[in-house]
Amino acid sequence: MIPPLPEGQPPTFRTTVHGTLFGERAVHVAAVVQGDELILIPDPPMEEDPAVWVHARGGEPLGHLPPEINKWLAPWLQRGGGATATAVRVHGADVPSWKRLVVEVHCAEGTEVR
């Protein structure tokens, strides 16, 4: 069973993806198109400040969600929560790196897993 979302947190929201310039991430972000389904993976529970990482369907890392979202979403996912992400805006090098990829996150509610 999927745990309830933390109080006051939305089941659906849009956010930017951070850290898109490290390693080969910029190349992978450039291959993303609006409407692509993406994978969300939290850091292992032993991390002091766990992040939620955004990956392309092929497994390539694209970046991570902002710290204020990681703070509640990573522990919820680690406890068995489920979430999906869809690319809603993808920009090129003419836009600051932290604004290049915007995703819509859908958190599963109740026993539903998307």
PDB file of N, CA and C in Angstrom:
ATOM      1  N   MET A   1       0.847  -1.181   0.000  1.00  0.00           N
ATOM      2  CA  MET A   1       0.000   0.000   0.000  1.00  0.00           C
ATOM      3  C   MET A   1       0.892   1.244   0.000  1.00  0.00           C
ATOM      4  N   ILE A   2       0.484   2.220  -0.745  1.00  0.00           N
ATOM      5  CA  ILE A   2       1.235   3.461  -0.866  1.00  0.00           C
ATOM      6  C   ILE A   2       0.921   4.336   0.353  1.00  0.00           C
ATOM      7  N   PRO A   3       1.972   4.875   1.011  1.00  0.00           N
ATOM      8  CA  PRO A   3       1.710   5.736   2.163  1.00  0.00           C
ATOM      9  C   PRO A   3       1.065   7.045   1.737  1.00  0.00           C
ATOM     10  N   PRO A   4       0.302   7.678   2.638  1.00  0.00           N
ATOM     11  CA  PRO A   4      -0.292   8.974   2.298  1.00  0.00           C
ATOM     12  C   PRO A   4       0.802  10.019   2.108  1.00  0.00           C
ATOM     13  N   LEU A   5       0.519  10.978   1.271  1.00  0.00           N
ATOM     14  CA  LEU A   5       1.454  12.092   1.081  1.00  0.00           C
ATOM     15  C   LEU A   5       1.585  12.871   2.378  1.00  0.00           C
ATOM     16  N   PRO A   6       2.740  13.478   2.604  1.00  0.00           N
ATOM     17  CA  PRO A   6       2.870  14.342   3.780  1.00  0.00           C
ATOM     18  C   PRO A   6       1.806  15.438   3.735  1.00  0.00           C
ATOM     19  N   GLU A   7       1.324  15.810   4.905  1.00  0.00           N
ATOM     20  CA  GLU A   7       0.266  16.815   4.992  1.00  0.00           C
ATOM     21  C   GLU A   7       0.666  18.106   4.280  1.00  0.00           C
ATOM     22  N   GLY A   8      -0.250  18.599   3.461  1.00  0.00           N
ATOM     23  CA  GLY A   8      -0.047  19.859   2.762  1.00  0.00           C
ATOM     24  C   GLY A   8       0.718  19.758   1.452  1.00  0.00           C
ATOM     25  N   GLN A   9       1.138  18.555   1.084  1.00  0.00           N
ATOM     26  CA  GLN A   9       1.907  18.402  -0.163  1.00  0.00           C
ATOM     27  C   GLN A   9       0.971  17.983  -1.299  1.00  0.00           C
ATOM     28  N   PRO A  10       1.149  18.569  -2.472  1.00  0.00           N
ATOM     29  CA  PRO A  10       0.239  18.317  -3.594  1.00  0.00           C
ATOM     30  C   PRO A  10       0.519  16.986  -4.286  1.00  0.00           C
ATOM     31  N   PRO A  11      -0.512  16.315  -4.764  1.00  0.00           N
ATOM     32  CA  PRO A  11      -0.308  15.067  -5.504  1.00  0.00           C
ATOM     33  C   PRO A  11       0.215  15.311  -6.921  1.00  0.00           C
ATOM     34  N   THR A  12       0.007  16.516  -7.442  1.00  0.00           N
ATOM     35  CA  THR A  12       0.494  16.871  -8.778  1.00  0.00           C
ATOM     36  C   THR A  12       1.070  18.283  -8.709  1.00  0.00           C
ATOM     37  N   PHE A  13       2.256  18.460  -9.302  1.00  0.00           N
ATOM     38  CA  PHE A  13       2.885  19.777  -9.299  1.00  0.00           C
ATOM     39  C   PHE A  13       3.906  19.854 -10.429  1.00  0.00           C
ATOM     40  N   ARG A  14       4.294  21.069 -10.777  1.00  0.00           N
ATOM     41  CA  ARG A  14       5.333  21.309 -11.783  1.00  0.00           C
ATOM     42  C   ARG A  14       6.562  21.885 -11.097  1.00  0.00           C
ATOM     43  N   THR A  15       7.725  21.494 -11.600  1.00  0.00           N
ATOM     44  CA  THR A  15       8.972  21.972 -11.018  1.00  0.00           C
ATOM     45  C   THR A  15      10.088  21.931 -12.051  1.00  0.00           C
ATOM     46  N   THR A  16      11.120  22.720 -11.784  1.00  0.00           N
ATOM     47  CA  THR A  16      12.322  22.684 -12.609  1.00  0.00           C
ATOM     48  C   THR A  16      13.195  21.507 -12.173  1.00  0.00           C
ATOM     49  N   VAL A  17      14.106  21.118 -13.061  1.00  0.00           N
ATOM     50  CA  VAL A  17      15.089  20.076 -12.756  1.00  0.00           C
ATOM     51  C   VAL A  17      16.441  20.768 -12.657  1.00  0.00           C
ATOM     52  N   HIS A  18      17.144  20.528 -11.563  1.00  0.00           N
ATOM     53  CA  HIS A  18      18.432  21.173 -11.307  1.00  0.00           C
ATOM     54  C   HIS A  18      19.577  20.221 -11.630  1.00  0.00           C
ATOM     55  N   GLY A  19      20.777  20.789 -11.799  1.00  0.00           N
ATOM     56  CA  GLY A  19      21.971  19.974 -12.022  1.00  0.00           C
ATOM     57  C   GLY A  19      22.064  19.368 -13.403  1.00  0.00           C
ATOM     58  N   THR A  20      21.490  20.034 -14.389  1.00  0.00           N
ATOM     59  CA  THR A  20      21.430  19.465 -15.744  1.00  0.00           C
ATOM     60  C   THR A  20      22.711  19.633 -16.550  1.00  0.00           C
ATOM     61  N   LEU A  21      23.722  20.308 -16.002  1.00  0.00           N
ATOM     62  CA  LEU A  21      24.953  20.548 -16.768  1.00  0.00           C
ATOM     63  C   LEU A  21      26.095  19.603 -16.424  1.00  0.00           C
ATOM     64  N   PHE A  22      25.994  18.843 -15.365  1.00  0.00           N
ATOM     65  CA  PHE A  22      27.095  17.988 -14.930  1.00  0.00           C
ATOM     66  C   PHE A  22      27.233  16.757 -15.813  1.00  0.00           C
ATOM     67  N   GLY A  23      28.481  16.337 -16.034  1.00  0.00           N
ATOM     68  CA  GLY A  23      28.737  15.157 -16.855  1.00  0.00           C
ATOM     69  C   GLY A  23      28.106  15.301 -18.232  1.00  0.00           C
ATOM     70  N   GLU A  24      27.432  14.261 -18.656  1.00  0.00           N
ATOM     71  CA  GLU A  24      26.775  14.238 -19.966  1.00  0.00           C
ATOM     72  C   GLU A  24      25.291  14.596 -19.886  1.00  0.00           C
ATOM     73  N   ARG A  25      24.862  15.119 -18.738  1.00  0.00           N
ATOM     74  CA  ARG A  25      23.429  15.395 -18.553  1.00  0.00           C
ATOM     75  C   ARG A  25      22.875  16.364 -19.592  1.00  0.00           C
ATOM     76  N   ALA A  26      23.621  17.396 -19.958  1.00  0.00           N
ATOM     77  CA  ALA A  26      23.121  18.386 -20.922  1.00  0.00           C
ATOM     78  C   ALA A  26      22.788  17.735 -22.254  1.00  0.00           C
ATOM     79  N   VAL A  27      23.593  16.765 -22.663  1.00  0.00           N
ATOM     80  CA  VAL A  27      23.347  16.042 -23.917  1.00  0.00           C
ATOM     81  C   VAL A  27      22.036  15.262 -23.808  1.00  0.00           C
ATOM     82  N   HIS A  28      21.824  14.625 -22.662  1.00  0.00           N
ATOM     83  CA  HIS A  28      20.605  13.831 -22.471  1.00  0.00           C
ATOM     84  C   HIS A  28      19.373  14.720 -22.350  1.00  0.00           C
ATOM     85  N   VAL A  29      19.520  15.879 -21.684  1.00  0.00           N
ATOM     86  CA  VAL A  29      18.396  16.818 -21.575  1.00  0.00           C
ATOM     87  C   VAL A  29      18.008  17.316 -22.966  1.00  0.00           C
ATOM     88  N   ALA A  30      18.985  17.573 -23.818  1.00  0.00           N
ATOM     89  CA  ALA A  30      18.705  18.056 -25.175  1.00  0.00           C
ATOM     90  C   ALA A  30      17.905  17.047 -25.992  1.00  0.00           C
ATOM     91  N   ALA A  31      17.968  15.771 -25.615  1.00  0.00           N
ATOM     92  CA  ALA A  31      17.235  14.732 -26.338  1.00  0.00           C
ATOM     93  C   ALA A  31      15.793  14.569 -25.839  1.00  0.00           C
ATOM     94  N   VAL A  32      15.460  15.201 -24.722  1.00  0.00           N
ATOM     95  CA  VAL A  32      14.107  15.108 -24.159  1.00  0.00           C
ATOM     96  C   VAL A  32      13.181  16.019 -24.938  1.00  0.00           C
ATOM     97  N   VAL A  33      11.966  15.551 -25.188  1.00  0.00           N
ATOM     98  CA  VAL A  33      10.952  16.377 -25.846  1.00  0.00           C
ATOM     99  C   VAL A  33       9.724  16.469 -24.947  1.00  0.00           C
ATOM    100  N   GLN A  34       8.974  17.528 -25.136  1.00  0.00           N
ATOM    101  CA  GLN A  34       7.753  17.718 -24.366  1.00  0.00           C
ATOM    102  C   GLN A  34       6.885  16.474 -24.478  1.00  0.00           C
ATOM    103  N   GLY A  35       6.373  16.008 -23.350  1.00  0.00           N
ATOM    104  CA  GLY A  35       5.518  14.831 -23.312  1.00  0.00           C
ATOM    105  C   GLY A  35       6.245  13.548 -22.962  1.00  0.00           C
ATOM    106  N   ASP A  36       7.587  13.561 -22.971  1.00  0.00           N
ATOM    107  CA  ASP A  36       8.343  12.360 -22.588  1.00  0.00           C
ATOM    108  C   ASP A  36       8.054  12.004 -21.137  1.00  0.00           C
ATOM    109  N   GLU A  37       7.840  10.710 -20.896  1.00  0.00           N
ATOM    110  CA  GLU A  37       7.719  10.227 -19.523  1.00  0.00           C
ATOM    111  C   GLU A  37       9.122  10.012 -18.982  1.00  0.00           C
ATOM    112  N   LEU A  38       9.336  10.449 -17.744  1.00  0.00           N
ATOM    113  CA  LEU A  38      10.637  10.358 -17.114  1.00  0.00           C
ATOM    114  C   LEU A  38      10.525   9.537 -15.831  1.00  0.00           C
ATOM    115  N   ILE A  39      11.646   9.080 -15.334  1.00  0.00           N
ATOM    116  CA  ILE A  39      11.696   8.219 -14.152  1.00  0.00           C
ATOM    117  C   ILE A  39      12.214   9.028 -12.968  1.00  0.00           C
ATOM    118  N   LEU A  40      11.586   8.870 -11.810  1.00  0.00           N
ATOM    119  CA  LEU A  40      12.035   9.520 -10.586  1.00  0.00           C
ATOM    120  C   LEU A  40      12.610   8.466  -9.643  1.00  0.00           C
ATOM    121  N   ILE A  41      13.839   8.690  -9.181  1.00  0.00           N
ATOM    122  CA  ILE A  41      14.513   7.734  -8.299  1.00  0.00           C
ATOM    123  C   ILE A  41      15.091   8.498  -7.104  1.00  0.00           C
ATOM    124  N   PRO A  42      14.686   8.112  -5.873  1.00  0.00           N
ATOM    125  CA  PRO A  42      15.257   8.784  -4.703  1.00  0.00           C
ATOM    126  C   PRO A  42      16.632   8.202  -4.362  1.00  0.00           C
ATOM    127  N   ASP A  43      17.452   9.020  -3.706  1.00  0.00           N
ATOM    128  CA  ASP A  43      18.714   8.525  -3.152  1.00  0.00           C
ATOM    129  C   ASP A  43      18.416   7.427  -2.137  1.00  0.00           C
ATOM    130  N   PRO A  44      19.416   6.608  -1.817  1.00  0.00           N
ATOM    131  CA  PRO A  44      19.231   5.594  -0.771  1.00  0.00           C
ATOM    132  C   PRO A  44      18.928   6.263   0.579  1.00  0.00           C
ATOM    133  N   PRO A  45      18.242   5.549   1.468  1.00  0.00           N
ATOM    134  CA  PRO A  45      17.847   6.125   2.762  1.00  0.00           C
ATOM    135  C   PRO A  45      19.011   6.606   3.628  1.00  0.00           C
ATOM    136  N   MET A  46      20.211   6.109   3.419  1.00  0.00           N
ATOM    137  CA  MET A  46      21.333   6.487   4.286  1.00  0.00           C
ATOM    138  C   MET A  46      21.884   7.881   3.972  1.00  0.00           C
ATOM    139  N   GLU A  47      21.452   8.500   2.886  1.00  0.00           N
ATOM    140  CA  GLU A  47      21.920   9.850   2.543  1.00  0.00           C
ATOM    141  C   GLU A  47      21.374  10.856   3.553  1.00  0.00           C
ATOM    142  N   GLU A  48      22.223  11.812   3.952  1.00  0.00           N
ATOM    143  CA  GLU A  48      21.808  12.813   4.939  1.00  0.00           C
ATOM    144  C   GLU A  48      20.708  13.719   4.385  1.00  0.00           C
ATOM    145  N   ASP A  49      20.882  14.221   3.169  1.00  0.00           N
ATOM    146  CA  ASP A  49      19.874  15.045   2.486  1.00  0.00           C
ATOM    147  C   ASP A  49      19.549  14.382   1.155  1.00  0.00           C
ATOM    148  N   PRO A  50      18.686  13.353   1.162  1.00  0.00           N
ATOM    149  CA  PRO A  50      18.433  12.627  -0.079  1.00  0.00           C
ATOM    150  C   PRO A  50      17.760  13.499  -1.137  1.00  0.00           C
ATOM    151  N   ALA A  51      18.143  13.246  -2.374  1.00  0.00           N
ATOM    152  CA  ALA A  51      17.561  13.944  -3.520  1.00  0.00           C
ATOM    153  C   ALA A  51      16.690  12.971  -4.309  1.00  0.00           C
ATOM    154  N   VAL A  52      15.829  13.531  -5.135  1.00  0.00           N
ATOM    155  CA  VAL A  52      15.055  12.737  -6.094  1.00  0.00           C
ATOM    156  C   VAL A  52      15.647  13.042  -7.454  1.00  0.00           C
ATOM    157  N   TRP A  53      16.154  12.011  -8.113  1.00  0.00           N
ATOM    158  CA  TRP A  53      16.829  12.152  -9.403  1.00  0.00           C
ATOM    159  C   TRP A  53      15.865  11.884 -10.538  1.00  0.00           C
ATOM    160  N   VAL A  54      16.007  12.667 -11.587  1.00  0.00           N
ATOM    161  CA  VAL A  54      15.176  12.538 -12.787  1.00  0.00           C
ATOM    162  C   VAL A  54      16.027  11.852 -13.852  1.00  0.00           C
ATOM    163  N   HIS A  55      15.483  10.768 -14.411  1.00  0.00           N
ATOM    164  CA  HIS A  55      16.183   9.999 -15.441  1.00  0.00           C
ATOM    165  C   HIS A  55      15.311   9.894 -16.687  1.00  0.00           C
ATOM    166  N   ALA A  56      15.962   9.830 -17.839  1.00  0.00           N
ATOM    167  CA  ALA A  56      15.256   9.552 -19.096  1.00  0.00           C
ATOM    168  C   ALA A  56      14.794   8.100 -19.061  1.00  0.00           C
ATOM    169  N   ARG A  57      13.884   7.729 -19.934  1.00  0.00           N
ATOM    170  CA  ARG A  57      13.360   6.354 -19.978  1.00  0.00           C
ATOM    171  C   ARG A  57      14.462   5.330 -20.220  1.00  0.00           C
ATOM    172  N   GLY A  58      15.538   5.720 -20.874  1.00  0.00           N
ATOM    173  CA  GLY A  58      16.654   4.817 -21.104  1.00  0.00           C
ATOM    174  C   GLY A  58      17.580   4.681 -19.910  1.00  0.00           C
ATOM    175  N   GLY A  59      17.307   5.431 -18.841  1.00  0.00           N
ATOM    176  CA  GLY A  59      18.089   5.352 -17.625  1.00  0.00           C
ATOM    177  C   GLY A  59      19.102   6.469 -17.444  1.00  0.00           C
ATOM    178  N   GLU A  60      19.308   7.295 -18.468  1.00  0.00           N
ATOM    179  CA  GLU A  60      20.297   8.366 -18.376  1.00  0.00           C
ATOM    180  C   GLU A  60      19.858   9.408 -17.346  1.00  0.00           C
ATOM    181  N   PRO A  61      20.770   9.820 -16.432  1.00  0.00           N
ATOM    182  CA  PRO A  61      20.415  10.851 -15.457  1.00  0.00           C
ATOM    183  C   PRO A  61      20.338  12.227 -16.120  1.00  0.00           C
ATOM    184  N   LEU A  62      19.312  12.989 -15.742  1.00  0.00           N
ATOM    185  CA  LEU A  62      19.102  14.320 -16.296  1.00  0.00           C
ATOM    186  C   LEU A  62      19.372  15.410 -15.263  1.00  0.00           C
ATOM    187  N   GLY A  63      19.154  15.120 -14.004  1.00  0.00           N
ATOM    188  CA  GLY A  63      19.321  16.085 -12.931  1.00  0.00           C
ATOM    189  C   GLY A  63      18.491  15.677 -11.739  1.00  0.00           C
ATOM    190  N   HIS A  64      18.262  16.603 -10.819  1.00  0.00           N
ATOM    191  CA  HIS A  64      17.510  16.305  -9.600  1.00  0.00           C
ATOM    192  C   HIS A  64      16.484  17.397  -9.336  1.00  0.00           C
ATOM    193  N   LEU A  65      15.514  17.074  -8.503  1.00  0.00           N
ATOM    194  CA  LEU A  65      14.486  18.039  -8.137  1.00  0.00           C
ATOM    195  C   LEU A  65      15.064  19.047  -7.136  1.00  0.00           C
ATOM    196  N   PRO A  66      14.433  20.220  -6.989  1.00  0.00           N
ATOM    197  CA  PRO A  66      14.928  21.238  -6.059  1.00  0.00           C
ATOM    198  C   PRO A  66      14.904  20.746  -4.605  1.00  0.00           C
ATOM    199  N   PRO A  67      15.805  21.281  -3.766  1.00  0.00           N
ATOM    200  CA  PRO A  67      15.905  20.838  -2.367  1.00  0.00           C
ATOM    201  C   PRO A  67      14.598  20.918  -1.583  1.00  0.00           C
ATOM    202  N   GLU A  68      13.791  21.954  -1.811  1.00  0.00           N
ATOM    203  CA  GLU A  68      12.544  22.080  -1.045  1.00  0.00           C
ATOM    204  C   GLU A  68      11.550  20.971  -1.377  1.00  0.00           C
ATOM    205  N   ILE A  69      11.646  20.390  -2.555  1.00  0.00           N
ATOM    206  CA  ILE A  69      10.801  19.245  -2.923  1.00  0.00           C
ATOM    207  C   ILE A  69      11.451  17.956  -2.444  1.00  0.00           C
ATOM    208  N   ASN A  70      12.764  17.827  -2.635  1.00  0.00           N
ATOM    209  CA  ASN A  70      13.477  16.636  -2.166  1.00  0.00           C
ATOM    210  C   ASN A  70      13.218  16.382  -0.684  1.00  0.00           C
ATOM    211  N   LYS A  71      13.112  17.453   0.079  1.00  0.00           N
ATOM    212  CA  LYS A  71      12.952  17.372   1.535  1.00  0.00           C
ATOM    213  C   LYS A  71      11.774  16.491   1.945  1.00  0.00           C
ATOM    214  N   TRP A  72      10.664  16.547   1.203  1.00  0.00           N
ATOM    215  CA  TRP A  72       9.506  15.724   1.556  1.00  0.00           C
ATOM    216  C   TRP A  72       9.279  14.563   0.589  1.00  0.00           C
ATOM    217  N   LEU A  73       9.628  14.753  -0.702  1.00  0.00           N
ATOM    218  CA  LEU A  73       9.334  13.715  -1.686  1.00  0.00           C
ATOM    219  C   LEU A  73      10.282  12.518  -1.567  1.00  0.00           C
ATOM    220  N   ALA A  74      11.568  12.758  -1.330  1.00  0.00           N
ATOM    221  CA  ALA A  74      12.521  11.641  -1.229  1.00  0.00           C
ATOM    222  C   ALA A  74      12.136  10.681  -0.094  1.00  0.00           C
ATOM    223  N   PRO A  75      11.884  11.162   1.134  1.00  0.00           N
ATOM    224  CA  PRO A  75      11.490  10.224   2.192  1.00  0.00           C
ATOM    225  C   PRO A  75      10.183   9.496   1.886  1.00  0.00           C
ATOM    226  N   TRP A  76       9.250  10.198   1.256  1.00  0.00           N
ATOM    227  CA  TRP A  76       7.970   9.555   0.916  1.00  0.00           C
ATOM    228  C   TRP A  76       8.183   8.438  -0.095  1.00  0.00           C
ATOM    229  N   LEU A  77       9.012   8.679  -1.113  1.00  0.00           N
ATOM    230  CA  LEU A  77       9.315   7.636  -2.099  1.00  0.00           C
ATOM    231  C   LEU A  77      10.062   6.479  -1.444  1.00  0.00           C
ATOM    232  N   GLN A  78      10.978   6.775  -0.536  1.00  0.00           N
ATOM    233  CA  GLN A  78      11.730   5.729   0.158  1.00  0.00           C
ATOM    234  C   GLN A  78      10.819   4.847   1.008  1.00  0.00           C
ATOM    235  N   ARG A  79       9.712   5.398   1.497  1.00  0.00           N
ATOM    236  CA  ARG A  79       8.753   4.629   2.309  1.00  0.00           C
ATOM    237  C   ARG A  79       7.762   3.846   1.453  1.00  0.00           C
ATOM    238  N   GLY A  80       7.888   3.919   0.129  1.00  0.00           N
ATOM    239  CA  GLY A  80       6.995   3.150  -0.732  1.00  0.00           C
ATOM    240  C   GLY A  80       6.068   3.977  -1.589  1.00  0.00           C
ATOM    241  N   GLY A  81       6.206   5.294  -1.550  1.00  0.00           N
ATOM    242  CA  GLY A  81       5.400   6.150  -2.412  1.00  0.00           C
ATOM    243  C   GLY A  81       5.781   5.930  -3.869  1.00  0.00           C
ATOM    244  N   GLY A  82       4.909   6.313  -4.757  1.00  0.00           N
ATOM    245  CA  GLY A  82       5.171   6.158  -6.187  1.00  0.00           C
ATOM    246  C   GLY A  82       4.870   7.449  -6.920  1.00  0.00           C
ATOM    247  N   ALA A  83       5.735   7.812  -7.855  1.00  0.00           N
ATOM    248  CA  ALA A  83       5.522   9.044  -8.613  1.00  0.00           C
ATOM    249  C   ALA A  83       6.086   8.891 -10.019  1.00  0.00           C
ATOM    250  N   THR A  84       5.479   9.603 -10.938  1.00  0.00           N
ATOM    251  CA  THR A  84       5.962   9.669 -12.315  1.00  0.00           C
ATOM    252  C   THR A  84       6.170  11.129 -12.678  1.00  0.00           C
ATOM    253  N   ALA A  85       6.941  11.351 -13.720  1.00  0.00           N
ATOM    254  CA  ALA A  85       7.169  12.720 -14.193  1.00  0.00           C
ATOM    255  C   ALA A  85       7.028  12.756 -15.704  1.00  0.00           C
ATOM    256  N   THR A  86       6.553  13.876 -16.203  1.00  0.00           N
ATOM    257  CA  THR A  86       6.419  14.112 -17.632  1.00  0.00           C
ATOM    258  C   THR A  86       7.073  15.444 -17.962  1.00  0.00           C
ATOM    259  N   ALA A  87       7.863  15.480 -19.012  1.00  0.00           N
ATOM    260  CA  ALA A  87       8.489  16.733 -19.452  1.00  0.00           C
ATOM    261  C   ALA A  87       7.405  17.649 -20.003  1.00  0.00           C
ATOM    262  N   VAL A  88       7.304  18.860 -19.461  1.00  0.00           N
ATOM    263  CA  VAL A  88       6.305  19.806 -19.954  1.00  0.00           C
ATOM    264  C   VAL A  88       6.942  20.987 -20.682  1.00  0.00           C
ATOM    265  N   ARG A  89       8.210  21.285 -20.375  1.00  0.00           N
ATOM    266  CA  ARG A  89       8.943  22.323 -21.101  1.00  0.00           C
ATOM    267  C   ARG A  89      10.405  21.909 -21.190  1.00  0.00           C
ATOM    268  N   VAL A  90      10.955  22.033 -22.384  1.00  0.00           N
ATOM    269  CA  VAL A  90      12.366  21.735 -22.605  1.00  0.00           C
ATOM    270  C   VAL A  90      12.952  22.893 -23.397  1.00  0.00           C
ATOM    271  N   HIS A  91      14.018  23.491 -22.847  1.00  0.00           N
ATOM    272  CA  HIS A  91      14.667  24.626 -23.488  1.00  0.00           C
ATOM    273  C   HIS A  91      16.114  24.288 -23.788  1.00  0.00           C
ATOM    274  N   GLY A  92      16.741  25.097 -24.620  1.00  0.00           N
ATOM    275  CA  GLY A  92      18.129  24.899 -25.003  1.00  0.00           C
ATOM    276  C   GLY A  92      19.090  25.734 -24.187  1.00  0.00           C
ATOM    277  N   ALA A  93      20.305  25.860 -24.693  1.00  0.00           N
ATOM    278  CA  ALA A  93      21.393  26.545 -23.997  1.00  0.00           C
ATOM    279  C   ALA A  93      21.151  28.049 -23.825  1.00  0.00           C
ATOM    280  N   ASP A  94      20.140  28.588 -24.482  1.00  0.00           N
ATOM    281  CA  ASP A  94      19.836  30.012 -24.342  1.00  0.00           C
ATOM    282  C   ASP A  94      19.087  30.326 -23.042  1.00  0.00           C
ATOM    283  N   VAL A  95      18.751  29.293 -22.284  1.00  0.00           N
ATOM    284  CA  VAL A  95      18.016  29.432 -21.026  1.00  0.00           C
ATOM    285  C   VAL A  95      18.920  28.942 -19.894  1.00  0.00           C
ATOM    286  N   PRO A  96      18.888  29.605 -18.709  1.00  0.00           N
ATOM    287  CA  PRO A  96      19.707  29.129 -17.595  1.00  0.00           C
ATOM    288  C   PRO A  96      19.472  27.634 -17.326  1.00  0.00           C
ATOM    289  N   SER A  97      20.539  26.938 -16.944  1.00  0.00           N
ATOM    290  CA  SER A  97      20.487  25.476 -16.811  1.00  0.00           C
ATOM    291  C   SER A  97      19.365  25.001 -15.902  1.00  0.00           C
ATOM    292  N   TRP A  98      19.108  25.709 -14.819  1.00  0.00           N
ATOM    293  CA  TRP A  98      18.090  25.246 -13.877  1.00  0.00           C
ATOM    294  C   TRP A  98      16.662  25.498 -14.360  1.00  0.00           C
ATOM    295  N   LYS A  99      16.515  26.130 -15.536  1.00  0.00           N
ATOM    296  CA  LYS A  99      15.183  26.351 -16.119  1.00  0.00           C
ATOM    297  C   LYS A  99      14.989  25.573 -17.423  1.00  0.00           C
ATOM    298  N   ARG A 100      15.979  24.781 -17.827  1.00  0.00           N
ATOM    299  CA  ARG A 100      15.905  24.114 -19.131  1.00  0.00           C
ATOM    300  C   ARG A 100      14.885  22.991 -19.192  1.00  0.00           C
ATOM    301  N   LEU A 101      14.670  22.328 -18.082  1.00  0.00           N
ATOM    302  CA  LEU A 101      13.737  21.209 -18.069  1.00  0.00           C
ATOM    303  C   LEU A 101      12.730  21.422 -16.948  1.00  0.00           C
ATOM    304  N   VAL A 102      11.458  21.491 -17.318  1.00  0.00           N
ATOM    305  CA  VAL A 102      10.360  21.600 -16.356  1.00  0.00           C
ATOM    306  C   VAL A 102       9.537  20.335 -16.488  1.00  0.00           C
ATOM    307  N   VAL A 103       9.245  19.718 -15.339  1.00  0.00           N
ATOM    308  CA  VAL A 103       8.484  18.471 -15.333  1.00  0.00           C
ATOM    309  C   VAL A 103       7.216  18.629 -14.515  1.00  0.00           C
ATOM    310  N   GLU A 104       6.233  17.809 -14.851  1.00  0.00           N
ATOM    311  CA  GLU A 104       5.032  17.696 -14.033  1.00  0.00           C
ATOM    312  C   GLU A 104       5.112  16.361 -13.322  1.00  0.00           C
ATOM    313  N   VAL A 105       5.024  16.402 -12.005  1.00  0.00           N
ATOM    314  CA  VAL A 105       5.137  15.201 -11.180  1.00  0.00           C
ATOM    315  C   VAL A 105       3.750  14.795 -10.724  1.00  0.00           C
ATOM    316  N   HIS A 106       3.449  13.496 -10.846  1.00  0.00           N
ATOM    317  CA  HIS A 106       2.189  12.919 -10.385  1.00  0.00           C
ATOM    318  C   HIS A 106       2.509  11.881  -9.319  1.00  0.00           C
ATOM    319  N   CYS A 107       2.079  12.166  -8.094  1.00  0.00           N
ATOM    320  CA  CYS A 107       2.284  11.227  -6.999  1.00  0.00           C
ATOM    321  C   CYS A 107       1.085  10.305  -6.915  1.00  0.00           C
ATOM    322  N   ALA A 108       1.346   9.009  -6.753  1.00  0.00           N
ATOM    323  CA  ALA A 108       0.267   8.035  -6.615  1.00  0.00           C
ATOM    324  C   ALA A 108      -0.427   8.271  -5.288  1.00  0.00           C
ATOM    325  N   GLU A 109      -1.733   8.103  -5.279  1.00  0.00           N
ATOM    326  CA  GLU A 109      -2.502   8.290  -4.058  1.00  0.00           C
ATOM    327  C   GLU A 109      -3.219   6.992  -3.717  1.00  0.00           C
ATOM    328  N   GLY A 110      -3.381   6.731  -2.420  1.00  0.00           N
ATOM    329  CA  GLY A 110      -4.061   5.514  -2.004  1.00  0.00           C
ATOM    330  C   GLY A 110      -3.263   4.296  -2.434  1.00  0.00           C
ATOM    331  N   THR A 111      -3.900   3.394  -3.169  1.00  0.00           N
ATOM    332  CA  THR A 111      -3.215   2.189  -3.641  1.00  0.00           C
ATOM    333  C   THR A 111      -2.867   2.266  -5.110  1.00  0.00           C
ATOM    334  N   GLU A 112      -3.151   3.407  -5.734  1.00  0.00           N
ATOM    335  CA  GLU A 112      -2.909   3.578  -7.167  1.00  0.00           C
ATOM    336  C   GLU A 112      -1.428   3.838  -7.434  1.00  0.00           C
ATOM    337  N   VAL A 113      -0.859   3.164  -8.395  1.00  0.00           N
ATOM    338  CA  VAL A 113       0.498   3.446  -8.862  1.00  0.00           C
ATOM    339  C   VAL A 113       0.392   3.726 -10.340  1.00  0.00           C
ATOM    340  N   ARG A 114       0.931   4.851 -10.765  1.00  0.00           N
ATOM    341  CA  ARG A 114       0.835   5.237 -12.164  1.00  0.00           C
ATOM    342  C   ARG A 114       1.998   4.700 -12.930  1.00  0.00           C
TER     343      ARG A 114
END
